[in-house]
Each structure stands twice: as C-alpha cells, then as structure tokens.
C-alpha cells in the first residue's frame, strides 16, 4: 500500500475529503518523525507497536563484487517492535 492509497482509504473510512485525509496523514507522520529525532526518541502505538531509534556502531563489511573489506560508518536508524496484537493478527 502506498501513501496515496492509505490517504484515500482514510478519506473513505473517515468520511472526509482527500485533502483533509492528506493533511491528517502528513501531520501524523511528521509528529512521529519529530518524536524520533529527540534524544530518547520513542513512539508507542498501543495495539500496533513501538518505534524507537538505535545507534549502529561502525563495523566492517565486504564489497560483494570485489571481496574488498570496507568500513561501514556508524549511523542512527529506526527500529520497529510490533505489538502482540499485531503479531497475532498477521
């Protein structure tokens, strides 16, 4: 499902215009992004799961074409842990 398809589904189910649904979805995603940027960024959605940020350490990897060892820089990333209700439904 794409963002546009999700927006259309929200508009249909909530009985609002596509413009309103787009604004709601954009606000929702922006709010989650802004919370994750904070130092202890964590967002918990009951029945869905938890999004949190983690820091990956610098590590060594391999270029699969040449076999050469390369350094992979440290980075921040987002981790998702699904709620039990979501796991059970899937």
Foldseek 3Di string as FASTA:
>chain_A
DDPLVVLVVCCVVVVHDSVVSNVVVVVVVVVLVVQQVDPFRKDADPLFWIKHKDKACWDWDADVVPRDIDIDHIDMDIDIDTDPNVVVVD
